[in-house]
Amino acid sequence: MSKKVHIKIQAGDISKQTVEIAENTTYEDLLDRLKINQETVLVLSGGNAVPLDGTISSNEITILKVVTGG
């Protein structure tokens, strides 16, 4: 069975998309599918950071690009 997840990606600009995922999909699986390097983002659900190996339980998540520099 699958479900729809609404994703907001904040990386300078804000983009939104909806994807259909399997029930047992992890945040890491989703980032791989979206071709996003997991070392450069934080994934938020309900405003809280989530572990990337956790199963997606919410139907709305935010992917926040982390900016570093020197």
PDB file of N, CA and C in Angstrom:
ATOM      1  N   MET A   1       0.842  -1.182   0.000  1.00  0.00           N
ATOM      2  CA  MET A   1       0.000   0.000   0.000  1.00  0.00           C
ATOM      3  C   MET A   1       0.886   1.243   0.000  1.00  0.00           C
ATOM      4  N   SER A   2       0.409   2.302  -0.601  1.00  0.00           N
ATOM      5  CA  SER A   2       1.206   3.525  -0.676  1.00  0.00           C
ATOM      6  C   SER A   2       0.426   4.701  -0.100  1.00  0.00           C
ATOM      7  N   LYS A   3       1.164   5.789   0.127  1.00  0.00           N
ATOM      8  CA  LYS A   3       0.539   7.016   0.622  1.00  0.00           C
ATOM      9  C   LYS A   3       1.223   8.202  -0.019  1.00  0.00           C
ATOM     10  N   LYS A   4       0.547   9.343  -0.015  1.00  0.00           N
ATOM     11  CA  LYS A   4       1.103  10.570  -0.568  1.00  0.00           C
ATOM     12  C   LYS A   4       1.730  11.395   0.544  1.00  0.00           C
ATOM     13  N   VAL A   5       2.896  11.972   0.225  1.00  0.00           N
ATOM     14  CA  VAL A   5       3.603  12.828   1.170  1.00  0.00           C
ATOM     15  C   VAL A   5       3.835  14.170   0.488  1.00  0.00           C
ATOM     16  N   HIS A   6       3.473  15.235   1.183  1.00  0.00           N
ATOM     17  CA  HIS A   6       3.684  16.596   0.690  1.00  0.00           C
ATOM     18  C   HIS A   6       5.028  17.069   1.244  1.00  0.00           C
ATOM     19  N   ILE A   7       5.907  17.509   0.345  1.00  0.00           N
ATOM     20  CA  ILE A   7       7.263  17.877   0.722  1.00  0.00           C
ATOM     21  C   ILE A   7       7.503  19.340   0.400  1.00  0.00           C
ATOM     22  N   LYS A   8       8.064  20.050   1.372  1.00  0.00           N
ATOM     23  CA  LYS A   8       8.517  21.428   1.138  1.00  0.00           C
ATOM     24  C   LYS A   8      10.032  21.402   1.245  1.00  0.00           C
ATOM     25  N   ILE A   9      10.717  21.834   0.203  1.00  0.00           N
ATOM     26  CA  ILE A   9      12.179  21.857   0.190  1.00  0.00           C
ATOM     27  C   ILE A   9      12.627  23.305   0.268  1.00  0.00           C
ATOM     28  N   GLN A  10      13.366  23.631   1.342  1.00  0.00           N
ATOM     29  CA  GLN A  10      13.876  24.985   1.524  1.00  0.00           C
ATOM     30  C   GLN A  10      15.378  24.963   1.280  1.00  0.00           C
ATOM     31  N   ALA A  11      15.773  25.499   0.131  1.00  0.00           N
ATOM     32  CA  ALA A  11      17.182  25.547  -0.247  1.00  0.00           C
ATOM     33  C   ALA A  11      17.409  26.862  -0.984  1.00  0.00           C
ATOM     34  N   GLY A  12      17.375  27.961  -0.235  1.00  0.00           N
ATOM     35  CA  GLY A  12      17.378  29.273  -0.873  1.00  0.00           C
ATOM     36  C   GLY A  12      15.958  29.597  -1.282  1.00  0.00           C
ATOM     37  N   ASP A  13      15.515  29.018  -2.388  1.00  0.00           N
ATOM     38  CA  ASP A  13      14.118  29.116  -2.804  1.00  0.00           C
ATOM     39  C   ASP A  13      13.329  28.016  -2.099  1.00  0.00           C
ATOM     40  N   ILE A  14      12.028  28.156  -2.092  1.00  0.00           N
ATOM     41  CA  ILE A  14      11.167  27.125  -1.519  1.00  0.00           C
ATOM     42  C   ILE A  14      10.427  26.436  -2.652  1.00  0.00           C
ATOM     43  N   SER A  15      10.516  25.116  -2.687  1.00  0.00           N
ATOM     44  CA  SER A  15       9.755  24.366  -3.679  1.00  0.00           C
ATOM     45  C   SER A  15       8.892  23.348  -2.957  1.00  0.00           C
ATOM     46  N   LYS A  16       7.788  23.008  -3.578  1.00  0.00           N
ATOM     47  CA  LYS A  16       6.863  22.046  -2.986  1.00  0.00           C
ATOM     48  C   LYS A  16       6.553  20.974  -4.011  1.00  0.00           C
ATOM     49  N   GLN A  17       6.399  19.762  -3.514  1.00  0.00           N
ATOM     50  CA  GLN A  17       5.996  18.665  -4.384  1.00  0.00           C
ATOM     51  C   GLN A  17       5.311  17.589  -3.562  1.00  0.00           C
ATOM     52  N   THR A  18       4.576  16.758  -4.254  1.00  0.00           N
ATOM     53  CA  THR A  18       3.897  15.625  -3.623  1.00  0.00           C
ATOM     54  C   THR A  18       4.398  14.362  -4.289  1.00  0.00           C
ATOM     55  N   VAL A  19       4.790  13.383  -3.463  1.00  0.00           N
ATOM     56  CA  VAL A  19       5.245  12.106  -3.998  1.00  0.00           C
ATOM     57  C   VAL A  19       4.461  10.981  -3.351  1.00  0.00           C
ATOM     58  N   GLU A  20       4.381   9.879  -4.061  1.00  0.00           N
ATOM     59  CA  GLU A  20       3.721   8.699  -3.529  1.00  0.00           C
ATOM     60  C   GLU A  20       4.804   7.727  -3.082  1.00  0.00           C
ATOM     61  N   ILE A  21       4.684   7.239  -1.840  1.00  0.00           N
ATOM     62  CA  ILE A  21       5.698   6.351  -1.270  1.00  0.00           C
ATOM     63  C   ILE A  21       5.042   5.103  -0.685  1.00  0.00           C
ATOM     64  N   ALA A  22       5.840   4.063  -0.527  1.00  0.00           N
ATOM     65  CA  ALA A  22       5.369   2.850   0.137  1.00  0.00           C
ATOM     66  C   ALA A  22       5.260   3.116   1.631  1.00  0.00           C
ATOM     67  N   GLU A  23       4.428   2.369   2.326  1.00  0.00           N
ATOM     68  CA  GLU A  23       4.193   2.556   3.758  1.00  0.00           C
ATOM     69  C   GLU A  23       5.465   2.489   4.600  1.00  0.00           C
ATOM     70  N   ASN A  24       6.429   1.656   4.220  1.00  0.00           N
ATOM     71  CA  ASN A  24       7.623   1.455   5.040  1.00  0.00           C
ATOM     72  C   ASN A  24       8.829   2.263   4.571  1.00  0.00           C
ATOM     73  N   THR A  25       8.615   3.313   3.780  1.00  0.00           N
ATOM     74  CA  THR A  25       9.698   4.139   3.261  1.00  0.00           C
ATOM     75  C   THR A  25      10.337   4.952   4.388  1.00  0.00           C
ATOM     76  N   THR A  26      11.670   4.993   4.407  1.00  0.00           N
ATOM     77  CA  THR A  26      12.381   5.810   5.394  1.00  0.00           C
ATOM     78  C   THR A  26      12.676   7.186   4.789  1.00  0.00           C
ATOM     79  N   TYR A  27      13.045   8.124   5.661  1.00  0.00           N
ATOM     80  CA  TYR A  27      13.429   9.455   5.184  1.00  0.00           C
ATOM     81  C   TYR A  27      14.654   9.340   4.281  1.00  0.00           C
ATOM     82  N   GLU A  28      15.567   8.443   4.623  1.00  0.00           N
ATOM     83  CA  GLU A  28      16.766   8.206   3.811  1.00  0.00           C
ATOM     84  C   GLU A  28      16.388   7.719   2.404  1.00  0.00           C
ATOM     85  N   ASP A  29      15.425   6.795   2.329  1.00  0.00           N
ATOM     86  CA  ASP A  29      14.934   6.309   1.029  1.00  0.00           C
ATOM     87  C   ASP A  29      14.372   7.461   0.197  1.00  0.00           C
ATOM     88  N   LEU A  30      13.621   8.337   0.848  1.00  0.00           N
ATOM     89  CA  LEU A  30      13.014   9.462   0.147  1.00  0.00           C
ATOM     90  C   LEU A  30      14.084  10.412  -0.392  1.00  0.00           C
ATOM     91  N   LEU A  31      15.092  10.724   0.431  1.00  0.00           N
ATOM     92  CA  LEU A  31      16.167  11.605  -0.023  1.00  0.00           C
ATOM     93  C   LEU A  31      16.900  10.991  -1.213  1.00  0.00           C
ATOM     94  N   ASP A  32      17.140   9.681  -1.172  1.00  0.00           N
ATOM     95  CA  ASP A  32      17.779   9.005  -2.304  1.00  0.00           C
ATOM     96  C   ASP A  32      16.919   9.131  -3.558  1.00  0.00           C
ATOM     97  N   ARG A  33      15.639   8.926  -3.398  1.00  0.00           N
ATOM     98  CA  ARG A  33      14.706   9.018  -4.536  1.00  0.00           C
ATOM     99  C   ARG A  33      14.700  10.423  -5.138  1.00  0.00           C
ATOM    100  N   LEU A  34      14.821  11.439  -4.273  1.00  0.00           N
ATOM    101  CA  LEU A  34      14.815  12.827  -4.736  1.00  0.00           C
ATOM    102  C   LEU A  34      16.205  13.300  -5.165  1.00  0.00           C
ATOM    103  N   LYS A  35      17.204  12.407  -5.054  1.00  0.00           N
ATOM    104  CA  LYS A  35      18.593  12.725  -5.395  1.00  0.00           C
ATOM    105  C   LYS A  35      19.127  13.894  -4.565  1.00  0.00           C
ATOM    106  N   ILE A  36      18.841  13.844  -3.254  1.00  0.00           N
ATOM    107  CA  ILE A  36      19.311  14.858  -2.314  1.00  0.00           C
ATOM    108  C   ILE A  36      20.335  14.207  -1.400  1.00  0.00           C
ATOM    109  N   ASN A  37      21.511  14.825  -1.293  1.00  0.00           N
ATOM    110  CA  ASN A  37      22.573  14.321  -0.420  1.00  0.00           C
ATOM    111  C   ASN A  37      22.138  14.483   1.032  1.00  0.00           C
ATOM    112  N   GLN A  38      22.002  13.373   1.744  1.00  0.00           N
ATOM    113  CA  GLN A  38      21.494  13.412   3.115  1.00  0.00           C
ATOM    114  C   GLN A  38      22.424  14.126   4.089  1.00  0.00           C
ATOM    115  N   GLU A  39      23.669  14.339   3.712  1.00  0.00           N
ATOM    116  CA  GLU A  39      24.621  15.031   4.589  1.00  0.00           C
ATOM    117  C   GLU A  39      24.490  16.543   4.504  1.00  0.00           C
ATOM    118  N   THR A  40      23.636  17.034   3.597  1.00  0.00           N
ATOM    119  CA  THR A  40      23.512  18.479   3.403  1.00  0.00           C
ATOM    120  C   THR A  40      22.159  19.036   3.826  1.00  0.00           C
ATOM    121  N   VAL A  41      21.310  18.187   4.438  1.00  0.00           N
ATOM    122  CA  VAL A  41      19.960  18.626   4.791  1.00  0.00           C
ATOM    123  C   VAL A  41      19.545  18.144   6.175  1.00  0.00           C
ATOM    124  N   LEU A  42      18.532  18.805   6.714  1.00  0.00           N
ATOM    125  CA  LEU A  42      17.799  18.338   7.884  1.00  0.00           C
ATOM    126  C   LEU A  42      16.388  18.026   7.401  1.00  0.00           C
ATOM    127  N   VAL A  43      15.836  16.944   7.904  1.00  0.00           N
ATOM    128  CA  VAL A  43      14.464  16.598   7.560  1.00  0.00           C
ATOM    129  C   VAL A  43      13.606  16.856   8.796  1.00  0.00           C
ATOM    130  N   LEU A  44      12.540  17.633   8.604  1.00  0.00           N
ATOM    131  CA  LEU A  44      11.666  18.020   9.703  1.00  0.00           C
ATOM    132  C   LEU A  44      10.262  17.472   9.485  1.00  0.00           C
ATOM    133  N   SER A  45       9.682  17.016  10.564  1.00  0.00           N
ATOM    134  CA  SER A  45       8.288  16.576  10.553  1.00  0.00           C
ATOM    135  C   SER A  45       7.631  17.216  11.768  1.00  0.00           C
ATOM    136  N   GLY A  46       6.606  18.016  11.532  1.00  0.00           N
ATOM    137  CA  GLY A  46       5.965  18.730  12.632  1.00  0.00           C
ATOM    138  C   GLY A  46       6.897  19.722  13.308  1.00  0.00           C
ATOM    139  N   GLY A  47       7.883  20.231  12.558  1.00  0.00           N
ATOM    140  CA  GLY A  47       8.829  21.204  13.092  1.00  0.00           C
ATOM    141  C   GLY A  47       9.988  20.589  13.855  1.00  0.00           C
ATOM    142  N   ASN A  48      10.021  19.274  13.983  1.00  0.00           N
ATOM    143  CA  ASN A  48      11.086  18.591  14.714  1.00  0.00           C
ATOM    144  C   ASN A  48      11.945  17.776  13.762  1.00  0.00           C
ATOM    145  N   ALA A  49      13.261  17.765  14.008  1.00  0.00           N
ATOM    146  CA  ALA A  49      14.170  16.951  13.203  1.00  0.00           C
ATOM    147  C   ALA A  49      13.861  15.476  13.432  1.00  0.00           C
ATOM    148  N   VAL A  50      13.984  14.690  12.381  1.00  0.00           N
ATOM    149  CA  VAL A  50      13.700  13.256  12.461  1.00  0.00           C
ATOM    150  C   VAL A  50      14.944  12.467  12.061  1.00  0.00           C
ATOM    151  N   PRO A  51      15.117  11.259  12.611  1.00  0.00           N
ATOM    152  CA  PRO A  51      16.249  10.423  12.197  1.00  0.00           C
ATOM    153  C   PRO A  51      16.013   9.904  10.779  1.00  0.00           C
ATOM    154  N   LEU A  52      17.047   9.953   9.966  1.00  0.00           N
ATOM    155  CA  LEU A  52      16.886   9.577   8.564  1.00  0.00           C
ATOM    156  C   LEU A  52      16.546   8.106   8.375  1.00  0.00           C
ATOM    157  N   ASP A  53      16.894   7.268   9.351  1.00  0.00           N
ATOM    158  CA  ASP A  53      16.573   5.846   9.220  1.00  0.00           C
ATOM    159  C   ASP A  53      15.172   5.527   9.741  1.00  0.00           C
ATOM    160  N   GLY A  54      14.450   6.557  10.179  1.00  0.00           N
ATOM    161  CA  GLY A  54      13.085   6.363  10.660  1.00  0.00           C
ATOM    162  C   GLY A  54      12.097   6.263   9.506  1.00  0.00           C
ATOM    163  N   THR A  55      11.019   5.550   9.738  1.00  0.00           N
ATOM    164  CA  THR A  55       9.963   5.400   8.732  1.00  0.00           C
ATOM    165  C   THR A  55       9.109   6.662   8.685  1.00  0.00           C
ATOM    166  N   ILE A  56       8.772   7.091   7.490  1.00  0.00           N
ATOM    167  CA  ILE A  56       7.965   8.298   7.321  1.00  0.00           C
ATOM    168  C   ILE A  56       6.553   8.020   7.821  1.00  0.00           C
ATOM    169  N   SER A  57       6.137   8.799   8.819  1.00  0.00           N
ATOM    170  CA  SER A  57       4.811   8.597   9.389  1.00  0.00           C
ATOM    171  C   SER A  57       3.868   9.762   9.100  1.00  0.00           C
ATOM    172  N   SER A  58       4.429  10.927   8.817  1.00  0.00           N
ATOM    173  CA  SER A  58       3.624  12.119   8.556  1.00  0.00           C
ATOM    174  C   SER A  58       3.365  12.254   7.061  1.00  0.00           C
ATOM    175  N   ASN A  59       2.302  12.959   6.711  1.00  0.00           N
ATOM    176  CA  ASN A  59       2.055  13.194   5.287  1.00  0.00           C
ATOM    177  C   ASN A  59       2.582  14.554   4.842  1.00  0.00           C
ATOM    178  N   GLU A  60       3.257  15.282   5.764  1.00  0.00           N
ATOM    179  CA  GLU A  60       3.879  16.554   5.408  1.00  0.00           C
ATOM    180  C   GLU A  60       5.250  16.628   6.052  1.00  0.00           C
ATOM    181  N   ILE A  61       6.276  16.867   5.233  1.00  0.00           N
ATOM    182  CA  ILE A  61       7.631  17.013   5.773  1.00  0.00           C
ATOM    183  C   ILE A  61       8.317  18.203   5.109  1.00  0.00           C
ATOM    184  N   THR A  62       9.337  18.701   5.794  1.00  0.00           N
ATOM    185  CA  THR A  62      10.146  19.790   5.262  1.00  0.00           C
ATOM    186  C   THR A  62      11.585  19.306   5.175  1.00  0.00           C
ATOM    187  N   ILE A  63      12.215  19.584   4.047  1.00  0.00           N
ATOM    188  CA  ILE A  63      13.633  19.288   3.868  1.00  0.00           C
ATOM    189  C   ILE A  63      14.347  20.620   3.843  1.00  0.00           C
ATOM    190  N   LEU A  64      15.218  20.837   4.803  1.00  0.00           N
ATOM    191  CA  LEU A  64      15.897  22.116   4.986  1.00  0.00           C
ATOM    192  C   LEU A  64      17.369  21.959   4.639  1.00  0.00           C
ATOM    193  N   LYS A  65      17.823  22.688   3.623  1.00  0.00           N
ATOM    194  CA  LYS A  65      19.229  22.625   3.229  1.00  0.00           C
ATOM    195  C   LYS A  65      20.062  23.374   4.254  1.00  0.00           C
ATOM    196  N   VAL A  66      21.112  22.718   4.731  1.00  0.00           N
ATOM    197  CA  VAL A  66      21.993  23.308   5.717  1.00  0.00           C
ATOM    198  C   VAL A  66      23.132  24.003   4.992  1.00  0.00           C
ATOM    199  N   VAL A  67      23.379  25.262   5.359  1.00  0.00           N
ATOM    200  CA  VAL A  67      24.438  26.045   4.722  1.00  0.00           C
ATOM    201  C   VAL A  67      25.589  26.181   5.708  1.00  0.00           C
ATOM    202  N   THR A  68      26.777  25.828   5.256  1.00  0.00           N
ATOM    203  CA  THR A  68      27.964  25.991   6.084  1.00  0.00           C
ATOM    204  C   THR A  68      29.002  26.765   5.285  1.00  0.00           C
ATOM    205  N   GLY A  69      29.934  27.307   5.960  1.00  0.00           N
ATOM    206  CA  GLY A  69      30.980  28.040   5.259  1.00  0.00           C
ATOM    207  C   GLY A  69      31.998  28.564   6.240  1.00  0.00           C
ATOM    208  N   GLY A  70      33.001  29.179   5.717  1.00  0.00           N
ATOM    209  CA  GLY A  70      34.058  29.666   6.593  1.00  0.00           C
ATOM    210  C   GLY A  70      34.414  31.089   6.317  1.00  0.00           C
TER     211      GLY A  70
END
